[in-house]
Amino acid sequence: KLPGWAIKNDGKTVDELFNEQLEKCDVEYFDFYLLH
């Protein structure tokens, strides 16, 4: 899931968060990705 509070409070971008999640999960794609 994409955390909106990390965008609002921490100034992170959607791309930064998404790419970080791909790396942490060690995958090339997500089967389900939710606005959290």
PDB file of all heavy atoms in Angstrom:
ATOM      1  N   LYS A   1       0.828  -1.202   0.000  1.00  0.00           N
ATOM      2  CA  LYS A   1       0.000   0.000   0.000  1.00  0.00           C
ATOM      3  C   LYS A   1       0.868   1.260   0.000  1.00  0.00           C
ATOM      4  O   LYS A   1       1.949   1.282   0.585  1.00  0.00           O
ATOM      5  CB  LYS A   1      -0.918  -0.003   1.216  1.00  0.00           C
ATOM      6  CG  LYS A   1      -1.678  -1.316   1.392  1.00  0.00           C
ATOM      7  CD  LYS A   1      -2.379  -1.387   2.735  1.00  0.00           C
ATOM      8  CE  LYS A   1      -2.929  -2.769   2.995  1.00  0.00           C
ATOM      9  NZ  LYS A   1      -1.847  -3.740   3.287  1.00  0.00           N
ATOM     10  N   LEU A   2       0.329   2.312  -0.627  1.00  0.00           N
ATOM     11  CA  LEU A   2       1.014   3.600  -0.693  1.00  0.00           C
ATOM     12  C   LEU A   2       0.590   4.469   0.488  1.00  0.00           C
ATOM     13  O   LEU A   2      -0.594   4.781   0.634  1.00  0.00           O
ATOM     14  CB  LEU A   2       0.673   4.306  -2.005  1.00  0.00           C
ATOM     15  CG  LEU A   2       1.293   5.686  -2.216  1.00  0.00           C
ATOM     16  CD1 LEU A   2       2.813   5.569  -2.367  1.00  0.00           C
ATOM     17  CD2 LEU A   2       0.689   6.366  -3.441  1.00  0.00           C
ATOM     18  N   PRO A   3       1.519   4.896   1.354  1.00  0.00           N
ATOM     19  CA  PRO A   3       1.176   5.687   2.543  1.00  0.00           C
ATOM     20  C   PRO A   3       1.086   7.180   2.238  1.00  0.00           C
ATOM     21  O   PRO A   3       2.105   7.848   2.017  1.00  0.00           O
ATOM     22  CB  PRO A   3       2.338   5.385   3.500  1.00  0.00           C
ATOM     23  CG  PRO A   3       3.509   5.159   2.580  1.00  0.00           C
ATOM     24  CD  PRO A   3       2.958   4.556   1.317  1.00  0.00           C
ATOM     25  N   GLY A   4      -0.112   7.718   2.263  1.00  0.00           N
ATOM     26  CA  GLY A   4      -0.295   9.139   1.984  1.00  0.00           C
ATOM     27  C   GLY A   4       0.364  10.038   3.008  1.00  0.00           C
ATOM     28  O   GLY A   4       0.833  11.137   2.685  1.00  0.00           O
ATOM     29  N   TRP A   5       0.428   9.571   4.261  1.00  0.00           N
ATOM     30  CA  TRP A   5       1.026  10.411   5.314  1.00  0.00           C
ATOM     31  C   TRP A   5       2.526  10.575   5.103  1.00  0.00           C
ATOM     32  O   TRP A   5       3.102  11.562   5.528  1.00  0.00           O
ATOM     33  CB  TRP A   5       0.726   9.822   6.694  1.00  0.00           C
ATOM     34  CG  TRP A   5       1.025   8.365   6.822  1.00  0.00           C
ATOM     35  CD1 TRP A   5       2.204   7.801   7.196  1.00  0.00           C
ATOM     36  CD2 TRP A   5       0.127   7.281   6.562  1.00  0.00           C
ATOM     37  NE1 TRP A   5       2.102   6.433   7.185  1.00  0.00           N
ATOM     38  CE2 TRP A   5       0.843   6.080   6.813  1.00  0.00           C
ATOM     39  CE3 TRP A   5      -1.204   7.201   6.161  1.00  0.00           C
ATOM     40  CZ2 TRP A   5       0.259   4.820   6.650  1.00  0.00           C
ATOM     41  CZ3 TRP A   5      -1.781   5.959   6.003  1.00  0.00           C
ATOM     42  CH2 TRP A   5      -1.052   4.781   6.250  1.00  0.00           C
ATOM     43  N   ALA A   6       3.170   9.629   4.433  1.00  0.00           N
ATOM     44  CA  ALA A   6       4.595   9.776   4.138  1.00  0.00           C
ATOM     45  C   ALA A   6       4.814  10.840   3.064  1.00  0.00           C
ATOM     46  O   ALA A   6       5.871  11.474   3.011  1.00  0.00           O
ATOM     47  CB  ALA A   6       5.190   8.450   3.678  1.00  0.00           C
ATOM     48  N   ILE A   7       3.809  11.031   2.225  1.00  0.00           N
ATOM     49  CA  ILE A   7       3.873  12.099   1.224  1.00  0.00           C
ATOM     50  C   ILE A   7       3.612  13.438   1.890  1.00  0.00           C
ATOM     51  O   ILE A   7       4.346  14.408   1.695  1.00  0.00           O
ATOM     52  CB  ILE A   7       2.837  11.850   0.111  1.00  0.00           C
ATOM     53  CG1 ILE A   7       3.174  10.568  -0.646  1.00  0.00           C
ATOM     54  CG2 ILE A   7       2.769  13.041  -0.839  1.00  0.00           C
ATOM     55  CD1 ILE A   7       2.116  10.137  -1.640  1.00  0.00           C
ATOM     56  N   LYS A   8       2.588  13.490   2.733  1.00  0.00           N
ATOM     57  CA  LYS A   8       2.199  14.745   3.373  1.00  0.00           C
ATOM     58  C   LYS A   8       3.195  15.185   4.435  1.00  0.00           C
ATOM     59  O   LYS A   8       3.594  16.354   4.480  1.00  0.00           O
ATOM     60  CB  LYS A   8       0.818  14.601   4.003  1.00  0.00           C
ATOM     61  CG  LYS A   8       0.367  15.850   4.753  1.00  0.00           C
ATOM     62  CD  LYS A   8      -1.062  15.751   5.222  1.00  0.00           C
ATOM     63  CE  LYS A   8      -1.477  17.030   5.943  1.00  0.00           C
ATOM     64  NZ  LYS A   8      -2.894  17.034   6.325  1.00  0.00           N
ATOM     65  N   ASN A   9       3.616  14.280   5.293  1.00  0.00           N
ATOM     66  CA  ASN A   9       4.440  14.645   6.445  1.00  0.00           C
ATOM     67  C   ASN A   9       5.938  14.599   6.165  1.00  0.00           C
ATOM     68  O   ASN A   9       6.708  15.383   6.733  1.00  0.00           O
ATOM     69  CB  ASN A   9       4.131  13.737   7.632  1.00  0.00           C
ATOM     70  CG  ASN A   9       2.712  13.901   8.119  1.00  0.00           C
ATOM     71  OD1 ASN A   9       2.055  14.885   7.810  1.00  0.00           O
ATOM     72  ND2 ASN A   9       2.230  12.931   8.871  1.00  0.00           N
ATOM     73  N   ASP A  10       6.358  13.661   5.309  1.00  0.00           N
ATOM     74  CA  ASP A  10       7.794  13.461   5.092  1.00  0.00           C
ATOM     75  C   ASP A  10       8.272  14.005   3.753  1.00  0.00           C
ATOM     76  O   ASP A  10       9.476  13.969   3.466  1.00  0.00           O
ATOM     77  CB  ASP A  10       8.136  11.973   5.185  1.00  0.00           C
ATOM     78  CG  ASP A  10       7.745  11.379   6.532  1.00  0.00           C
ATOM     79  OD1 ASP A  10       7.726  12.140   7.516  1.00  0.00           O
ATOM     80  OD2 ASP A  10       7.451  10.166   6.585  1.00  0.00           O
ATOM     81  N   GLY A  11       7.348  14.467   2.919  1.00  0.00           N
ATOM     82  CA  GLY A  11       7.740  15.051   1.644  1.00  0.00           C
ATOM     83  C   GLY A  11       8.219  14.049   0.614  1.00  0.00           C
ATOM     84  O   GLY A  11       8.871  14.424  -0.370  1.00  0.00           O
ATOM     85  N   LYS A  12       7.916  12.777   0.803  1.00  0.00           N
ATOM     86  CA  LYS A  12       8.337  11.769  -0.164  1.00  0.00           C
ATOM     87  C   LYS A  12       7.413  11.793  -1.378  1.00  0.00           C
ATOM     88  O   LYS A  12       6.249  12.166  -1.287  1.00  0.00           O
ATOM     89  CB  LYS A  12       8.343  10.383   0.473  1.00  0.00           C
ATOM     90  CG  LYS A  12       9.392  10.221   1.569  1.00  0.00           C
ATOM     91  CD  LYS A  12       9.606   8.771   1.929  1.00  0.00           C
ATOM     92  CE  LYS A  12      10.749   8.613   2.918  1.00  0.00           C
ATOM     93  NZ  LYS A  12      11.054   7.198   3.202  1.00  0.00           N
ATOM     94  N   THR A  13       7.943  11.382  -2.517  1.00  0.00           N
ATOM     95  CA  THR A  13       7.139  11.340  -3.732  1.00  0.00           C
ATOM     96  C   THR A  13       6.578   9.938  -3.934  1.00  0.00           C
ATOM     97  O   THR A  13       7.061   8.959  -3.345  1.00  0.00           O
ATOM     98  CB  THR A  13       7.976  11.724  -4.962  1.00  0.00           C
ATOM     99  OG1 THR A  13       8.955  10.691  -5.207  1.00  0.00           O
ATOM    100  CG2 THR A  13       8.682  13.055  -4.743  1.00  0.00           C
ATOM    101  N   VAL A  14       5.586   9.848  -4.806  1.00  0.00           N
ATOM    102  CA  VAL A  14       5.010   8.543  -5.129  1.00  0.00           C
ATOM    103  C   VAL A  14       6.080   7.631  -5.715  1.00  0.00           C
ATOM    104  O   VAL A  14       6.180   6.453  -5.349  1.00  0.00           O
ATOM    105  CB  VAL A  14       3.831   8.703  -6.114  1.00  0.00           C
ATOM    106  CG1 VAL A  14       3.325   7.335  -6.573  1.00  0.00           C
ATOM    107  CG2 VAL A  14       2.699   9.493  -5.471  1.00  0.00           C
ATOM    108  N   ASP A  15       6.889   8.162  -6.621  1.00  0.00           N
ATOM    109  CA  ASP A  15       7.932   7.344  -7.253  1.00  0.00           C
ATOM    110  C   ASP A  15       8.950   6.847  -6.237  1.00  0.00           C
ATOM    111  O   ASP A  15       9.368   5.680  -6.281  1.00  0.00           O
ATOM    112  CB  ASP A  15       8.650   8.150  -8.339  1.00  0.00           C
ATOM    113  CG  ASP A  15       7.796   8.346  -9.579  1.00  0.00           C
ATOM    114  OD1 ASP A  15       6.829   7.577  -9.764  1.00  0.00           O
ATOM    115  OD2 ASP A  15       8.083   9.270 -10.352  1.00  0.00           O
ATOM    116  N   GLU A  16       9.353   7.715  -5.320  1.00  0.00           N
ATOM    117  CA  GLU A  16      10.323   7.315  -4.293  1.00  0.00           C
ATOM    118  C   GLU A  16       9.774   6.173  -3.452  1.00  0.00           C
ATOM    119  O   GLU A  16      10.464   5.173  -3.209  1.00  0.00           O
ATOM    120  CB  GLU A  16      10.650   8.503  -3.388  1.00  0.00           C
ATOM    121  CG  GLU A  16      11.556   9.540  -4.020  1.00  0.00           C
ATOM    122  CD  GLU A  16      11.728  10.764  -3.135  1.00  0.00           C
ATOM    123  OE1 GLU A  16      10.870  11.006  -2.257  1.00  0.00           O
ATOM    124  OE2 GLU A  16      12.730  11.477  -3.329  1.00  0.00           O
ATOM    125  N   LEU A  17       8.552   6.317  -3.008  1.00  0.00           N
ATOM    126  CA  LEU A  17       7.940   5.295  -2.160  1.00  0.00           C
ATOM    127  C   LEU A  17       7.749   3.990  -2.921  1.00  0.00           C
ATOM    128  O   LEU A  17       8.071   2.903  -2.418  1.00  0.00           O
ATOM    129  CB  LEU A  17       6.601   5.800  -1.625  1.00  0.00           C
ATOM    130  CG  LEU A  17       6.692   6.926  -0.596  1.00  0.00           C
ATOM    131  CD1 LEU A  17       5.334   7.601  -0.423  1.00  0.00           C
ATOM    132  CD2 LEU A  17       7.189   6.393   0.740  1.00  0.00           C
ATOM    133  N   PHE A  18       7.220   4.087  -4.120  1.00  0.00           N
ATOM    134  CA  PHE A  18       6.946   2.883  -4.912  1.00  0.00           C
ATOM    135  C   PHE A  18       8.227   2.112  -5.212  1.00  0.00           C
ATOM    136  O   PHE A  18       8.283   0.880  -5.042  1.00  0.00           O
ATOM    137  CB  PHE A  18       6.235   3.268  -6.208  1.00  0.00           C
ATOM    138  CG  PHE A  18       5.760   2.089  -7.011  1.00  0.00           C
ATOM    139  CD1 PHE A  18       4.548   1.479  -6.713  1.00  0.00           C
ATOM    140  CD2 PHE A  18       6.522   1.584  -8.064  1.00  0.00           C
ATOM    141  CE1 PHE A  18       4.106   0.385  -7.448  1.00  0.00           C
ATOM    142  CE2 PHE A  18       6.085   0.495  -8.796  1.00  0.00           C
ATOM    143  CZ  PHE A  18       4.874  -0.103  -8.493  1.00  0.00           C
ATOM    144  N   ASN A  19       9.252   2.812  -5.642  1.00  0.00           N
ATOM    145  CA  ASN A  19      10.517   2.139  -5.961  1.00  0.00           C
ATOM    146  C   ASN A  19      11.165   1.543  -4.713  1.00  0.00           C
ATOM    147  O   ASN A  19      11.769   0.460  -4.773  1.00  0.00           O
ATOM    148  CB  ASN A  19      11.476   3.123  -6.634  1.00  0.00           C
ATOM    149  CG  ASN A  19      11.019   3.518  -8.022  1.00  0.00           C
ATOM    150  OD1 ASN A  19      10.341   2.745  -8.703  1.00  0.00           O
ATOM    151  ND2 ASN A  19      11.366   4.713  -8.451  1.00  0.00           N
ATOM    152  N   GLU A  20      11.040   2.233  -3.598  1.00  0.00           N
ATOM    153  CA  GLU A  20      11.558   1.700  -2.336  1.00  0.00           C
ATOM    154  C   GLU A  20      10.828   0.406  -1.964  1.00  0.00           C
ATOM    155  O   GLU A  20      11.450  -0.560  -1.505  1.00  0.00           O
ATOM    156  CB  GLU A  20      11.385   2.734  -1.225  1.00  0.00           C
ATOM    157  CG  GLU A  20      11.912   2.284   0.121  1.00  0.00           C
ATOM    158  CD  GLU A  20      11.656   3.295   1.231  1.00  0.00           C
ATOM    159  OE1 GLU A  20      11.248   4.445   0.928  1.00  0.00           O
ATOM    160  OE2 GLU A  20      11.855   2.936   2.412  1.00  0.00           O
ATOM    161  N   GLN A  21       9.522   0.383  -2.185  1.00  0.00           N
ATOM    162  CA  GLN A  21       8.742  -0.812  -1.852  1.00  0.00           C
ATOM    163  C   GLN A  21       9.099  -1.980  -2.768  1.00  0.00           C
ATOM    164  O   GLN A  21       9.171  -3.128  -2.310  1.00  0.00           O
ATOM    165  CB  GLN A  21       7.249  -0.484  -1.931  1.00  0.00           C
ATOM    166  CG  GLN A  21       6.798   0.449  -0.813  1.00  0.00           C
ATOM    167  CD  GLN A  21       5.345   0.880  -0.968  1.00  0.00           C
ATOM    168  OE1 GLN A  21       5.015   1.653  -1.867  1.00  0.00           O
ATOM    169  NE2 GLN A  21       4.481   0.363  -0.106  1.00  0.00           N
ATOM    170  N   LEU A  22       9.297  -1.713  -4.055  1.00  0.00           N
ATOM    171  CA  LEU A  22       9.734  -2.778  -4.953  1.00  0.00           C
ATOM    172  C   LEU A  22      11.046  -3.388  -4.472  1.00  0.00           C
ATOM    173  O   LEU A  22      11.220  -4.613  -4.455  1.00  0.00           O
ATOM    174  CB  LEU A  22       9.924  -2.231  -6.373  1.00  0.00           C
ATOM    175  CG  LEU A  22       8.685  -1.943  -7.211  1.00  0.00           C
ATOM    176  CD1 LEU A  22       9.093  -1.329  -8.545  1.00  0.00           C
ATOM    177  CD2 LEU A  22       7.854  -3.198  -7.442  1.00  0.00           C
ATOM    178  N   GLU A  23      11.963  -2.523  -4.062  1.00  0.00           N
ATOM    179  CA  GLU A  23      13.275  -2.991  -3.598  1.00  0.00           C
ATOM    180  C   GLU A  23      13.149  -3.784  -2.303  1.00  0.00           C
ATOM    181  O   GLU A  23      13.762  -4.854  -2.152  1.00  0.00           O
ATOM    182  CB  GLU A  23      14.201  -1.801  -3.396  1.00  0.00           C
ATOM    183  CG  GLU A  23      15.607  -2.186  -2.967  1.00  0.00           C
ATOM    184  CD  GLU A  23      16.534  -0.987  -2.845  1.00  0.00           C
ATOM    185  OE1 GLU A  23      16.137   0.129  -3.242  1.00  0.00           O
ATOM    186  OE2 GLU A  23      17.654  -1.164  -2.331  1.00  0.00           O
ATOM    187  N   LYS A  24      12.360  -3.268  -1.358  1.00  0.00           N
ATOM    188  CA  LYS A  24      12.216  -3.953  -0.073  1.00  0.00           C
ATOM    189  C   LYS A  24      11.536  -5.310  -0.250  1.00  0.00           C
ATOM    190  O   LYS A  24      11.901  -6.293   0.414  1.00  0.00           O
ATOM    191  CB  LYS A  24      11.417  -3.083   0.894  1.00  0.00           C
ATOM    192  CG  LYS A  24      12.190  -1.874   1.398  1.00  0.00           C
ATOM    193  CD  LYS A  24      11.296  -0.876   2.092  1.00  0.00           C
ATOM    194  CE  LYS A  24      10.748  -1.396   3.394  1.00  0.00           C
ATOM    195  NZ  LYS A  24       9.940  -0.367   4.099  1.00  0.00           N
ATOM    196  N   CYS A  25      10.555  -5.377  -1.130  1.00  0.00           N
ATOM    197  CA  CYS A  25       9.835  -6.637  -1.351  1.00  0.00           C
ATOM    198  C   CYS A  25      10.562  -7.548  -2.338  1.00  0.00           C
ATOM    199  O   CYS A  25      10.151  -8.694  -2.529  1.00  0.00           O
ATOM    200  CB  CYS A  25       8.424  -6.353  -1.861  1.00  0.00           C
ATOM    201  SG  CYS A  25       7.335  -5.586  -0.638  1.00  0.00           S
ATOM    202  N   ASP A  26      11.619  -7.019  -2.946  1.00  0.00           N
ATOM    203  CA  ASP A  26      12.450  -7.785  -3.877  1.00  0.00           C
ATOM    204  C   ASP A  26      11.616  -8.376  -5.017  1.00  0.00           C
ATOM    205  O   ASP A  26      11.710  -9.568  -5.329  1.00  0.00           O
ATOM    206  CB  ASP A  26      13.188  -8.897  -3.122  1.00  0.00           C
ATOM    207  CG  ASP A  26      14.347  -9.471  -3.938  1.00  0.00           C
ATOM    208  OD1 ASP A  26      14.763  -8.836  -4.923  1.00  0.00           O
ATOM    209  OD2 ASP A  26      14.813 -10.579  -3.603  1.00  0.00           O
ATOM    210  N   VAL A  27      10.786  -7.529  -5.615  1.00  0.00           N
ATOM    211  CA  VAL A  27       9.948  -7.947  -6.735  1.00  0.00           C
ATOM    212  C   VAL A  27      10.030  -6.899  -7.842  1.00  0.00           C
ATOM    213  O   VAL A  27      10.514  -5.782  -7.643  1.00  0.00           O
ATOM    214  CB  VAL A  27       8.470  -8.125  -6.310  1.00  0.00           C
ATOM    215  CG1 VAL A  27       8.330  -9.286  -5.323  1.00  0.00           C
ATOM    216  CG2 VAL A  27       7.914  -6.834  -5.708  1.00  0.00           C
ATOM    217  N   GLU A  28       9.548  -7.270  -9.018  1.00  0.00           N
ATOM    218  CA  GLU A  28       9.518  -6.345 -10.147  1.00  0.00           C
ATOM    219  C   GLU A  28       8.128  -5.753 -10.354  1.00  0.00           C
ATOM    220  O   GLU A  28       7.973  -4.794 -11.121  1.00  0.00           O
ATOM    221  CB  GLU A  28       9.983  -7.056 -11.415  1.00  0.00           C
ATOM    222  CG  GLU A  28      11.445  -7.507 -11.342  1.00  0.00           C
ATOM    223  CD  GLU A  28      11.903  -8.168 -12.632  1.00  0.00           C
ATOM    224  OE1 GLU A  28      11.043  -8.403 -13.509  1.00  0.00           O
ATOM    225  OE2 GLU A  28      13.108  -8.450 -12.749  1.00  0.00           O
ATOM    226  N   TYR A  29       7.129  -6.334  -9.694  1.00  0.00           N
ATOM    227  CA  TYR A  29       5.768  -5.826  -9.803  1.00  0.00           C
ATOM    228  C   TYR A  29       4.967  -6.239  -8.572  1.00  0.00           C
ATOM    229  O   TYR A  29       5.348  -7.154  -7.829  1.00  0.00           O
ATOM    230  CB  TYR A  29       5.080  -6.353 -11.065  1.00  0.00           C
ATOM    231  CG  TYR A  29       4.820  -7.850 -11.042  1.00  0.00           C
ATOM    232  CD1 TYR A  29       3.635  -8.374 -10.511  1.00  0.00           C
ATOM    233  CD2 TYR A  29       5.770  -8.751 -11.529  1.00  0.00           C
ATOM    234  CE1 TYR A  29       3.412  -9.743 -10.479  1.00  0.00           C
ATOM    235  CE2 TYR A  29       5.551 -10.114 -11.494  1.00  0.00           C
ATOM    236  CZ  TYR A  29       4.366 -10.608 -10.973  1.00  0.00           C
ATOM    237  OH  TYR A  29       4.152 -11.960 -10.933  1.00  0.00           O
ATOM    238  N   PHE A  30       3.863  -5.535  -8.343  1.00  0.00           N
ATOM    239  CA  PHE A  30       2.928  -5.894  -7.282  1.00  0.00           C
ATOM    240  C   PHE A  30       1.637  -6.406  -7.902  1.00  0.00           C
ATOM    241  O   PHE A  30       1.131  -5.824  -8.867  1.00  0.00           O
ATOM    242  CB  PHE A  30       2.621  -4.691  -6.380  1.00  0.00           C
ATOM    243  CG  PHE A  30       3.797  -4.219  -5.577  1.00  0.00           C
ATOM    244  CD1 PHE A  30       4.370  -2.982  -5.823  1.00  0.00           C
ATOM    245  CD2 PHE A  30       4.336  -5.020  -4.580  1.00  0.00           C
ATOM    246  CE1 PHE A  30       5.451  -2.544  -5.092  1.00  0.00           C
ATOM    247  CE2 PHE A  30       5.428  -4.595  -3.841  1.00  0.00           C
ATOM    248  CZ  PHE A  30       5.990  -3.352  -4.095  1.00  0.00           C
ATOM    249  N   ASP A  31       1.115  -7.481  -7.345  1.00  0.00           N
ATOM    250  CA  ASP A  31      -0.166  -8.003  -7.837  1.00  0.00           C
ATOM    251  C   ASP A  31      -1.309  -7.075  -7.457  1.00  0.00           C
ATOM    252  O   ASP A  31      -2.230  -6.853  -8.245  1.00  0.00           O
ATOM    253  CB  ASP A  31      -0.404  -9.406  -7.266  1.00  0.00           C
ATOM    254  CG  ASP A  31       0.678 -10.377  -7.685  1.00  0.00           C
ATOM    255  OD1 ASP A  31       0.619 -10.877  -8.825  1.00  0.00           O
ATOM    256  OD2 ASP A  31       1.600 -10.605  -6.884  1.00  0.00           O
ATOM    257  N   PHE A  32      -1.244  -6.550  -6.242  1.00  0.00           N
ATOM    258  CA  PHE A  32      -2.244  -5.591  -5.763  1.00  0.00           C
ATOM    259  C   PHE A  32      -1.512  -4.420  -5.104  1.00  0.00           C
ATOM    260  O   PHE A  32      -0.637  -4.626  -4.273  1.00  0.00           O
ATOM    261  CB  PHE A  32      -3.190  -6.242  -4.746  1.00  0.00           C
ATOM    262  CG  PHE A  32      -4.022  -7.354  -5.323  1.00  0.00           C
ATOM    263  CD1 PHE A  32      -3.537  -8.653  -5.361  1.00  0.00           C
ATOM    264  CD2 PHE A  32      -5.278  -7.094  -5.847  1.00  0.00           C
ATOM    265  CE1 PHE A  32      -4.294  -9.690  -5.897  1.00  0.00           C
ATOM    266  CE2 PHE A  32      -6.039  -8.114  -6.390  1.00  0.00           C
ATOM    267  CZ  PHE A  32      -5.541  -9.423  -6.420  1.00  0.00           C
ATOM    268  N   TYR A  33      -1.889  -3.208  -5.511  1.00  0.00           N
ATOM    269  CA  TYR A  33      -1.280  -2.023  -4.911  1.00  0.00           C
ATOM    270  C   TYR A  33      -2.402  -1.061  -4.541  1.00  0.00           C
ATOM    271  O   TYR A  33      -3.221  -0.682  -5.387  1.00  0.00           O
ATOM    272  CB  TYR A  33      -0.313  -1.359  -5.889  1.00  0.00           C
ATOM    273  CG  TYR A  33       0.611  -0.366  -5.224  1.00  0.00           C
ATOM    274  CD1 TYR A  33       1.701  -0.794  -4.475  1.00  0.00           C
ATOM    275  CD2 TYR A  33       0.386   1.003  -5.337  1.00  0.00           C
ATOM    276  CE1 TYR A  33       2.563   0.106  -3.866  1.00  0.00           C
ATOM    277  CE2 TYR A  33       1.236   1.915  -4.726  1.00  0.00           C
ATOM    278  CZ  TYR A  33       2.323   1.458  -3.997  1.00  0.00           C
ATOM    279  OH  TYR A  33       3.160   2.361  -3.377  1.00  0.00           O
ATOM    280  N   LEU A  34      -2.447  -0.696  -3.256  1.00  0.00           N
ATOM    281  CA  LEU A  34      -3.575   0.067  -2.734  1.00  0.00           C
ATOM    282  C   LEU A  34      -3.162   1.445  -2.238  1.00  0.00           C
ATOM    283  O   LEU A  34      -2.083   1.612  -1.655  1.00  0.00           O
ATOM    284  CB  LEU A  34      -4.219  -0.690  -1.565  1.00  0.00           C
ATOM    285  CG  LEU A  34      -4.541  -2.171  -1.764  1.00  0.00           C
ATOM    286  CD1 LEU A  34      -5.192  -2.737  -0.499  1.00  0.00           C
ATOM    287  CD2 LEU A  34      -5.424  -2.393  -2.969  1.00  0.00           C
ATOM    288  N   LEU A  35      -4.006   2.436  -2.471  1.00  0.00           N
ATOM    289  CA  LEU A  35      -3.887   3.707  -1.779  1.00  0.00           C
ATOM    290  C   LEU A  35      -4.308   3.437  -0.341  1.00  0.00           C
ATOM    291  O   LEU A  35      -5.439   3.018  -0.089  1.00  0.00           O
ATOM    292  CB  LEU A  35      -4.792   4.755  -2.424  1.00  0.00           C
ATOM    293  CG  LEU A  35      -4.471   5.095  -3.889  1.00  0.00           C
ATOM    294  CD1 LEU A  35      -5.582   5.935  -4.493  1.00  0.00           C
ATOM    295  CD2 LEU A  35      -3.152   5.823  -3.997  1.00  0.00           C
ATOM    296  N   HIS A  36      -3.420   3.675   0.595  1.00  0.00           N
ATOM    297  CA  HIS A  36      -3.599   3.161   1.950  1.00  0.00           C
ATOM    298  C   HIS A  36      -4.477   4.059   2.816  1.00  0.00           C
ATOM    299  O   HIS A  36      -4.288   5.267   2.886  1.00  0.00           O
ATOM    300  CB  HIS A  36      -2.228   2.994   2.621  1.00  0.00           C
ATOM    301  CG  HIS A  36      -2.248   2.093   3.819  1.00  0.00           C
ATOM    302  ND1 HIS A  36      -1.113   1.799   4.536  1.00  0.00           N
ATOM    303  CD2 HIS A  36      -3.255   1.418   4.421  1.00  0.00           C
ATOM    304  CE1 HIS A  36      -1.418   0.978   5.522  1.00  0.00           C
ATOM    305  NE2 HIS A  36      -2.715   0.747   5.481  1.00  0.00           N
TER     306      HIS A  36
END
